[in-house]
């Protein structure tokens, strides 16, 4: 199984922030402004971001 197949399809705010090496508040701001696509899954504040969208942004 390749490394890509092992990675989750959707990430949490914390995972995205860690991957981009930024604060969670910046990730939330990117979602709020529409620069980063995300959706709410489950309860309040549980955002999920597609891995492909994070890869498109790249490190800041």
C-alpha atoms as a PDB file:
ATOM      1  CA  UNK A   1       0.000   0.000   0.000  1.00  0.00           C
ATOM      2  CA  UNK A   2       1.421   3.404  -0.982  1.00  0.00           C
ATOM      3  CA  UNK A   3       1.910   6.291   1.467  1.00  0.00           C
ATOM      4  CA  UNK A   4      -0.772   8.286  -0.359  1.00  0.00           C
ATOM      5  CA  UNK A   5      -3.353   5.533   0.162  1.00  0.00           C
ATOM      6  CA  UNK A   6      -2.640   5.508   3.924  1.00  0.00           C
ATOM      7  CA  UNK A   7      -3.369   9.214   4.386  1.00  0.00           C
ATOM      8  CA  UNK A   8      -6.890  10.265   5.371  1.00  0.00           C
ATOM      9  CA  UNK A   9      -9.006  11.929   2.704  1.00  0.00           C
ATOM     10  CA  UNK A  10     -10.204  14.675   5.056  1.00  0.00           C
ATOM     11  CA  UNK A  11      -8.265  16.518   7.756  1.00  0.00           C
ATOM     12  CA  UNK A  12      -9.214  18.432  10.892  1.00  0.00           C
ATOM     13  CA  UNK A  13      -8.316  22.074  11.512  1.00  0.00           C
ATOM     14  CA  UNK A  14      -5.481  20.981  13.790  1.00  0.00           C
ATOM     15  CA  UNK A  15      -4.063  18.585  11.195  1.00  0.00           C
ATOM     16  CA  UNK A  16      -4.157  21.245   8.460  1.00  0.00           C
ATOM     17  CA  UNK A  17      -2.504  23.812  10.743  1.00  0.00           C
ATOM     18  CA  UNK A  18       0.242  21.340  11.608  1.00  0.00           C
ATOM     19  CA  UNK A  19       0.816  20.360   7.982  1.00  0.00           C
ATOM     20  CA  UNK A  20       1.029  24.004   6.850  1.00  0.00           C
ATOM     21  CA  UNK A  21       2.966  25.021   9.975  1.00  0.00           C
ATOM     22  CA  UNK A  22       0.497  27.791  10.850  1.00  0.00           C
ATOM     23  CA  UNK A  23      -1.944  28.508  13.680  1.00  0.00           C
ATOM     24  CA  UNK A  24      -5.464  27.081  13.661  1.00  0.00           C
ATOM     25  CA  UNK A  25      -6.853  30.619  13.643  1.00  0.00           C
ATOM     26  CA  UNK A  26      -5.230  31.215  10.235  1.00  0.00           C
ATOM     27  CA  UNK A  27      -6.827  28.043   8.865  1.00  0.00           C
ATOM     28  CA  UNK A  28     -10.200  29.207  10.219  1.00  0.00           C
ATOM     29  CA  UNK A  29      -9.665  32.577   8.548  1.00  0.00           C
ATOM     30  CA  UNK A  30      -8.884  30.925   5.209  1.00  0.00           C
ATOM     31  CA  UNK A  31     -12.114  28.945   5.499  1.00  0.00           C
ATOM     32  CA  UNK A  32     -14.106  32.044   6.463  1.00  0.00           C
ATOM     33  CA  UNK A  33     -12.806  34.038   3.466  1.00  0.00           C
ATOM     34  CA  UNK A  34     -13.376  31.158   1.060  1.00  0.00           C
ATOM     35  CA  UNK A  35      -9.699  30.629   0.223  1.00  0.00           C
ATOM     36  CA  UNK A  36      -9.869  27.123   1.681  1.00  0.00           C
ATOM     37  CA  UNK A  37     -12.825  24.833   1.069  1.00  0.00           C
ATOM     38  CA  UNK A  38     -14.172  23.011   4.112  1.00  0.00           C
ATOM     39  CA  UNK A  39     -17.368  21.543   5.489  1.00  0.00           C
ATOM     40  CA  UNK A  40     -18.807  20.961   8.927  1.00  0.00           C
ATOM     41  CA  UNK A  41     -19.138  17.331   9.909  1.00  0.00           C
ATOM     42  CA  UNK A  42     -21.048  16.404  13.006  1.00  0.00           C
ATOM     43  CA  UNK A  43     -21.206  18.799  15.897  1.00  0.00           C
ATOM     44  CA  UNK A  44     -20.465  22.447  16.231  1.00  0.00           C
ATOM     45  CA  UNK A  45     -16.997  23.491  15.160  1.00  0.00           C
ATOM     46  CA  UNK A  46     -16.014  20.137  13.682  1.00  0.00           C
ATOM     47  CA  UNK A  47     -14.593  21.229  10.337  1.00  0.00           C
ATOM     48  CA  UNK A  48     -13.078  18.897   7.743  1.00  0.00           C
ATOM     49  CA  UNK A  49     -10.824  19.941   4.893  1.00  0.00           C
ATOM     50  CA  UNK A  50     -10.029  17.822   1.859  1.00  0.00           C
ATOM     51  CA  UNK A  51      -6.381  16.785   1.578  1.00  0.00           C
ATOM     52  CA  UNK A  52      -6.309  17.879  -2.077  1.00  0.00           C
ATOM     53  CA  UNK A  53      -7.304  21.419  -1.033  1.00  0.00           C
ATOM     54  CA  UNK A  54      -4.469  21.545   1.505  1.00  0.00           C
ATOM     55  CA  UNK A  55      -1.964  20.288  -1.049  1.00  0.00           C
ATOM     56  CA  UNK A  56      -3.144  23.010  -3.425  1.00  0.00           C
ATOM     57  CA  UNK A  57      -2.377  25.685  -0.810  1.00  0.00           C
ATOM     58  CA  UNK A  58       1.048  24.323   0.013  1.00  0.00           C
ATOM     59  CA  UNK A  59       3.231  25.627   2.852  1.00  0.00           C
ATOM     60  CA  UNK A  60       2.851  29.347   3.584  1.00  0.00           C
END
